[in-house]
Amino acid sequence: MKQQTLSAREAVDWAASATPSQVLSGAPRCREAVLRQDGDNEIGLWEVTPGRFASKKETIGEVMTFLSGAGQIEHADGSVTEIGPGVVLHVLPGWQGIWDVSDTVVKSYVIYPA
């Protein structure tokens, strides 16, 4: 079977998702497309509009690949990851940080249990 390649916006059904629970500035809005869920593992796409907000992964780890947008993530240890197309970030269970999104971000993600 031949696979057809489509952009993220064309290929999936997007649904609104929860706004970050701790918004520090701006009014970020989120949406997601869950592509596969198997037990506690999940693969999907997530989009967030500009804003600054806190995030934590208490009981899950996540691998993120950024497809579009711009910003940075400040980790609890003070290090900073610039996010944009092609950047891959892996965070372990227990991770905490601050997102500062300057241009709407779309990422693909894989979530797995601790």
N, C-alpha and C. Protein backbone atom coordinates (compact mmCIF):
# COMPACT_ATOMS: atom_id res chain seq x y z
N MET A 1 0.85 -1.17 0.00
CA MET A 1 0.00 0.00 0.00
C MET A 1 0.90 1.24 0.00
N LYS A 2 0.62 2.17 -0.87
CA LYS A 2 1.39 3.41 -0.96
C LYS A 2 0.91 4.38 0.10
N GLN A 3 1.85 5.00 0.80
CA GLN A 3 1.53 5.99 1.83
C GLN A 3 1.46 7.37 1.20
N GLN A 4 0.51 8.16 1.61
CA GLN A 4 0.40 9.54 1.15
C GLN A 4 0.93 10.45 2.25
N THR A 5 1.75 11.42 1.87
CA THR A 5 2.30 12.37 2.84
C THR A 5 1.46 13.64 2.81
N LEU A 6 0.99 14.05 3.99
CA LEU A 6 0.21 15.27 4.13
C LEU A 6 0.82 16.10 5.24
N SER A 7 0.54 17.38 5.23
CA SER A 7 1.02 18.21 6.33
C SER A 7 0.22 17.85 7.58
N ALA A 8 0.76 18.18 8.74
CA ALA A 8 0.10 17.88 10.01
C ALA A 8 -1.30 18.47 10.05
N ARG A 9 -1.46 19.65 9.50
CA ARG A 9 -2.77 20.31 9.55
C ARG A 9 -3.79 19.63 8.64
N GLU A 10 -3.34 18.96 7.57
CA GLU A 10 -4.25 18.31 6.63
C GLU A 10 -4.59 16.88 7.04
N ALA A 11 -3.66 16.22 7.70
CA ALA A 11 -3.74 14.78 7.87
C ALA A 11 -4.55 14.31 9.08
N VAL A 12 -4.84 15.17 10.02
CA VAL A 12 -5.43 14.71 11.27
C VAL A 12 -6.66 15.54 11.65
N ASP A 13 -7.43 14.97 12.54
CA ASP A 13 -8.57 15.69 13.11
C ASP A 13 -8.12 16.30 14.43
N TRP A 14 -8.04 17.61 14.48
CA TRP A 14 -7.63 18.32 15.67
C TRP A 14 -8.82 18.49 16.61
N ALA A 15 -8.56 18.44 17.90
CA ALA A 15 -9.57 18.69 18.92
C ALA A 15 -8.97 19.63 19.97
N ALA A 16 -9.79 20.50 20.52
CA ALA A 16 -9.31 21.39 21.58
C ALA A 16 -8.80 20.54 22.74
N SER A 17 -7.74 21.00 23.37
CA SER A 17 -7.24 20.31 24.57
C SER A 17 -7.10 21.34 25.68
N ALA A 18 -6.88 20.85 26.87
CA ALA A 18 -6.85 21.72 28.05
C ALA A 18 -5.79 22.80 27.93
N THR A 19 -6.14 23.98 28.39
CA THR A 19 -5.18 25.08 28.50
C THR A 19 -4.18 24.72 29.59
N PRO A 20 -2.91 25.11 29.45
CA PRO A 20 -1.96 24.81 30.52
C PRO A 20 -2.52 25.27 31.87
N SER A 21 -2.29 24.45 32.90
CA SER A 21 -2.91 24.72 34.21
C SER A 21 -2.30 25.92 34.92
N GLN A 22 -1.06 26.27 34.60
CA GLN A 22 -0.42 27.40 35.29
C GLN A 22 0.13 28.38 34.25
N VAL A 23 -0.76 29.23 33.71
CA VAL A 23 -0.36 30.24 32.73
C VAL A 23 0.30 31.40 33.46
N LEU A 24 1.48 31.79 33.01
CA LEU A 24 2.24 32.88 33.64
C LEU A 24 2.07 34.20 32.89
N SER A 25 1.85 34.13 31.58
CA SER A 25 1.55 35.33 30.79
C SER A 25 0.96 34.91 29.45
N GLY A 26 0.22 35.84 28.85
CA GLY A 26 -0.44 35.55 27.59
C GLY A 26 -1.69 34.72 27.81
N ALA A 27 -2.20 34.19 26.73
CA ALA A 27 -3.42 33.36 26.77
C ALA A 27 -3.25 32.17 25.83
N PRO A 28 -2.30 31.27 26.15
CA PRO A 28 -2.07 30.14 25.24
C PRO A 28 -3.30 29.25 25.11
N ARG A 29 -3.55 28.83 23.87
CA ARG A 29 -4.63 27.88 23.57
C ARG A 29 -3.99 26.64 22.98
N CYS A 30 -4.58 25.49 23.26
CA CYS A 30 -4.00 24.23 22.82
C CYS A 30 -5.01 23.40 22.06
N ARG A 31 -4.47 22.58 21.18
CA ARG A 31 -5.27 21.55 20.53
C ARG A 31 -4.36 20.37 20.27
N GLU A 32 -4.98 19.21 20.09
CA GLU A 32 -4.18 18.01 19.88
C GLU A 32 -4.89 17.04 18.95
N ALA A 33 -4.10 16.12 18.44
CA ALA A 33 -4.61 15.03 17.63
C ALA A 33 -3.92 13.77 18.13
N VAL A 34 -4.66 12.90 18.80
CA VAL A 34 -4.10 11.64 19.28
C VAL A 34 -4.12 10.68 18.09
N LEU A 35 -2.92 10.25 17.70
CA LEU A 35 -2.80 9.36 16.54
C LEU A 35 -2.88 7.90 16.92
N ARG A 36 -2.41 7.58 18.12
CA ARG A 36 -2.44 6.18 18.59
C ARG A 36 -2.35 6.19 20.10
N GLN A 37 -3.20 5.37 20.71
CA GLN A 37 -3.13 5.18 22.16
C GLN A 37 -3.18 3.69 22.42
N ASP A 38 -2.20 3.20 23.18
CA ASP A 38 -2.07 1.78 23.46
C ASP A 38 -1.72 1.65 24.94
N GLY A 39 -2.72 1.38 25.75
CA GLY A 39 -2.48 1.34 27.19
C GLY A 39 -2.08 2.71 27.68
N ASP A 40 -0.94 2.81 28.36
CA ASP A 40 -0.47 4.09 28.89
C ASP A 40 0.42 4.85 27.91
N ASN A 41 0.67 4.28 26.74
CA ASN A 41 1.49 4.94 25.72
C ASN A 41 0.59 5.72 24.77
N GLU A 42 1.06 6.90 24.35
CA GLU A 42 0.28 7.74 23.46
C GLU A 42 1.19 8.43 22.46
N ILE A 43 0.75 8.48 21.21
CA ILE A 43 1.46 9.18 20.14
C ILE A 43 0.50 10.19 19.54
N GLY A 44 0.99 11.42 19.33
CA GLY A 44 0.09 12.40 18.75
C GLY A 44 0.79 13.67 18.34
N LEU A 45 -0.02 14.67 18.03
CA LEU A 45 0.43 16.01 17.68
C LEU A 45 -0.21 16.97 18.66
N TRP A 46 0.51 18.03 19.01
CA TRP A 46 0.01 19.03 19.95
C TRP A 46 0.41 20.40 19.44
N GLU A 47 -0.50 21.34 19.56
CA GLU A 47 -0.25 22.72 19.14
C GLU A 47 -0.57 23.65 20.30
N VAL A 48 0.28 24.68 20.46
CA VAL A 48 0.04 25.69 21.49
C VAL A 48 0.37 27.06 20.90
N THR A 49 -0.51 28.02 21.17
CA THR A 49 -0.31 29.39 20.71
C THR A 49 0.60 30.12 21.70
N PRO A 50 1.09 31.30 21.34
CA PRO A 50 2.05 32.02 22.20
C PRO A 50 1.55 32.25 23.64
N GLY A 51 2.51 32.19 24.54
CA GLY A 51 2.27 32.40 25.95
C GLY A 51 3.39 31.79 26.76
N ARG A 52 3.35 32.05 28.05
CA ARG A 52 4.35 31.51 28.98
C ARG A 52 3.59 30.73 30.04
N PHE A 53 4.04 29.49 30.29
CA PHE A 53 3.32 28.65 31.25
C PHE A 53 4.25 27.59 31.83
N ALA A 54 3.89 27.16 33.04
CA ALA A 54 4.62 26.10 33.73
C ALA A 54 4.08 24.75 33.29
N SER A 55 4.94 23.76 33.31
CA SER A 55 4.56 22.40 32.92
C SER A 55 5.32 21.41 33.78
N LYS A 56 4.72 20.26 34.02
CA LYS A 56 5.42 19.19 34.73
C LYS A 56 4.90 17.84 34.27
N LYS A 57 5.78 16.89 34.30
CA LYS A 57 5.48 15.51 33.91
C LYS A 57 5.73 14.64 35.14
N GLU A 58 4.72 14.52 35.98
CA GLU A 58 4.93 13.82 37.25
C GLU A 58 5.13 12.32 37.08
N THR A 59 4.29 11.67 36.30
CA THR A 59 4.32 10.21 36.22
C THR A 59 4.52 9.69 34.81
N ILE A 60 4.89 10.59 33.88
CA ILE A 60 5.12 10.17 32.50
C ILE A 60 6.41 10.76 31.98
N GLY A 61 6.98 10.11 30.99
CA GLY A 61 8.08 10.66 30.23
C GLY A 61 7.55 11.03 28.86
N GLU A 62 8.28 11.88 28.14
CA GLU A 62 7.81 12.30 26.83
C GLU A 62 8.98 12.59 25.90
N VAL A 63 8.84 12.13 24.66
CA VAL A 63 9.76 12.48 23.59
C VAL A 63 8.99 13.41 22.67
N MET A 64 9.56 14.60 22.42
CA MET A 64 8.90 15.62 21.58
C MET A 64 9.79 15.93 20.39
N THR A 65 9.17 16.05 19.22
CA THR A 65 9.86 16.53 18.02
C THR A 65 9.09 17.75 17.55
N PHE A 66 9.74 18.89 17.50
CA PHE A 66 9.08 20.14 17.14
C PHE A 66 9.03 20.27 15.62
N LEU A 67 7.84 20.52 15.11
CA LEU A 67 7.60 20.59 13.68
C LEU A 67 7.56 22.01 13.16
N SER A 68 7.07 22.93 13.98
CA SER A 68 7.00 24.34 13.57
C SER A 68 6.90 25.21 14.82
N GLY A 69 7.09 26.51 14.61
CA GLY A 69 6.98 27.45 15.71
C GLY A 69 8.33 27.82 16.30
N ALA A 70 8.28 28.59 17.40
CA ALA A 70 9.51 29.04 18.06
C ALA A 70 9.23 29.36 19.51
N GLY A 71 10.28 29.25 20.30
CA GLY A 71 10.20 29.58 21.72
C GLY A 71 11.35 28.92 22.45
N GLN A 72 11.18 28.81 23.76
CA GLN A 72 12.18 28.12 24.56
C GLN A 72 11.52 27.48 25.76
N ILE A 73 12.21 26.49 26.28
CA ILE A 73 11.77 25.80 27.49
C ILE A 73 12.90 25.91 28.50
N GLU A 74 12.59 26.47 29.68
CA GLU A 74 13.56 26.54 30.76
C GLU A 74 13.29 25.39 31.71
N HIS A 75 14.29 24.55 31.89
CA HIS A 75 14.17 23.38 32.75
C HIS A 75 14.42 23.78 34.20
N ALA A 76 13.96 22.96 35.13
CA ALA A 76 14.09 23.26 36.56
C ALA A 76 15.55 23.46 36.98
N ASP A 77 16.48 22.83 36.26
CA ASP A 77 17.90 22.99 36.61
C ASP A 77 18.51 24.28 36.05
N GLY A 78 17.69 25.10 35.35
CA GLY A 78 18.16 26.37 34.81
C GLY A 78 18.61 26.30 33.36
N SER A 79 18.79 25.10 32.83
CA SER A 79 19.19 24.99 31.42
C SER A 79 18.00 25.37 30.53
N VAL A 80 18.30 25.77 29.29
CA VAL A 80 17.27 26.23 28.37
C VAL A 80 17.40 25.46 27.06
N THR A 81 16.26 25.02 26.53
CA THR A 81 16.20 24.41 25.21
C THR A 81 15.45 25.34 24.28
N GLU A 82 16.10 25.79 23.21
CA GLU A 82 15.43 26.57 22.18
C GLU A 82 14.59 25.59 21.36
N ILE A 83 13.31 25.91 21.17
CA ILE A 83 12.46 25.00 20.42
C ILE A 83 12.10 25.60 19.07
N GLY A 84 12.06 24.74 18.07
CA GLY A 84 11.74 25.12 16.72
C GLY A 84 11.82 23.89 15.85
N PRO A 85 11.54 24.02 14.56
CA PRO A 85 11.52 22.87 13.67
C PRO A 85 12.80 22.03 13.74
N GLY A 86 12.60 20.72 13.92
CA GLY A 86 13.71 19.79 13.95
C GLY A 86 14.29 19.50 15.31
N VAL A 87 13.93 20.27 16.32
CA VAL A 87 14.46 20.05 17.68
C VAL A 87 13.74 18.86 18.31
N VAL A 88 14.52 17.97 18.91
CA VAL A 88 13.98 16.81 19.62
C VAL A 88 14.33 16.98 21.09
N LEU A 89 13.35 16.75 21.95
CA LEU A 89 13.54 16.90 23.39
C LEU A 89 12.93 15.69 24.09
N HIS A 90 13.69 15.09 25.01
CA HIS A 90 13.21 13.96 25.81
C HIS A 90 13.20 14.40 27.27
N VAL A 91 12.04 14.33 27.92
CA VAL A 91 11.96 14.65 29.34
C VAL A 91 11.52 13.41 30.10
N LEU A 92 12.15 13.20 31.24
CA LEU A 92 11.89 12.02 32.07
C LEU A 92 10.76 12.30 33.05
N PRO A 93 10.15 11.23 33.57
CA PRO A 93 9.14 11.42 34.62
C PRO A 93 9.73 12.25 35.76
N GLY A 94 8.94 13.20 36.27
CA GLY A 94 9.38 14.10 37.32
C GLY A 94 9.88 15.44 36.80
N TRP A 95 9.99 15.57 35.47
CA TRP A 95 10.47 16.82 34.86
C TRP A 95 9.53 17.99 35.16
N GLN A 96 10.13 19.18 35.32
CA GLN A 96 9.37 20.43 35.46
C GLN A 96 10.07 21.52 34.68
N GLY A 97 9.30 22.46 34.15
CA GLY A 97 9.90 23.56 33.42
C GLY A 97 8.89 24.63 33.06
N ILE A 98 9.40 25.66 32.40
CA ILE A 98 8.60 26.80 31.95
C ILE A 98 8.71 26.91 30.43
N TRP A 99 7.57 26.87 29.76
CA TRP A 99 7.51 27.09 28.32
C TRP A 99 7.32 28.58 28.06
N ASP A 100 8.03 29.11 27.08
CA ASP A 100 7.85 30.48 26.63
C ASP A 100 7.73 30.42 25.10
N VAL A 101 6.50 30.37 24.61
CA VAL A 101 6.21 30.19 23.19
C VAL A 101 6.03 31.55 22.54
N SER A 102 6.87 31.87 21.56
CA SER A 102 6.78 33.17 20.87
C SER A 102 6.04 33.07 19.54
N ASP A 103 6.02 31.89 18.93
CA ASP A 103 5.32 31.66 17.66
C ASP A 103 4.67 30.28 17.78
N THR A 104 3.40 30.18 17.45
CA THR A 104 2.63 28.94 17.63
C THR A 104 3.47 27.71 17.31
N VAL A 105 3.52 26.78 18.26
CA VAL A 105 4.33 25.57 18.18
C VAL A 105 3.45 24.37 17.86
N VAL A 106 3.94 23.54 16.96
CA VAL A 106 3.35 22.22 16.72
C VAL A 106 4.46 21.21 16.98
N LYS A 107 4.14 20.21 17.79
CA LYS A 107 5.11 19.14 18.07
C LYS A 107 4.43 17.79 17.90
N SER A 108 5.22 16.80 17.54
CA SER A 108 4.75 15.42 17.65
C SER A 108 5.28 14.92 18.99
N TYR A 109 4.58 13.98 19.58
CA TYR A 109 4.99 13.50 20.89
C TYR A 109 4.73 12.02 21.04
N VAL A 110 5.52 11.41 21.92
CA VAL A 110 5.30 10.04 22.40
C VAL A 110 5.36 10.14 23.91
N ILE A 111 4.28 9.73 24.56
CA ILE A 111 4.20 9.73 26.02
C ILE A 111 4.25 8.28 26.49
N TYR A 112 5.01 8.04 27.55
CA TYR A 112 5.13 6.69 28.11
C TYR A 112 5.08 6.78 29.63
N PRO A 113 4.63 5.70 30.30
CA PRO A 113 4.52 5.74 31.77
C PRO A 113 5.88 5.62 32.44
N ALA A 114 5.92 6.09 33.68
CA ALA A 114 7.15 6.01 34.48
C ALA A 114 7.50 4.58 34.78
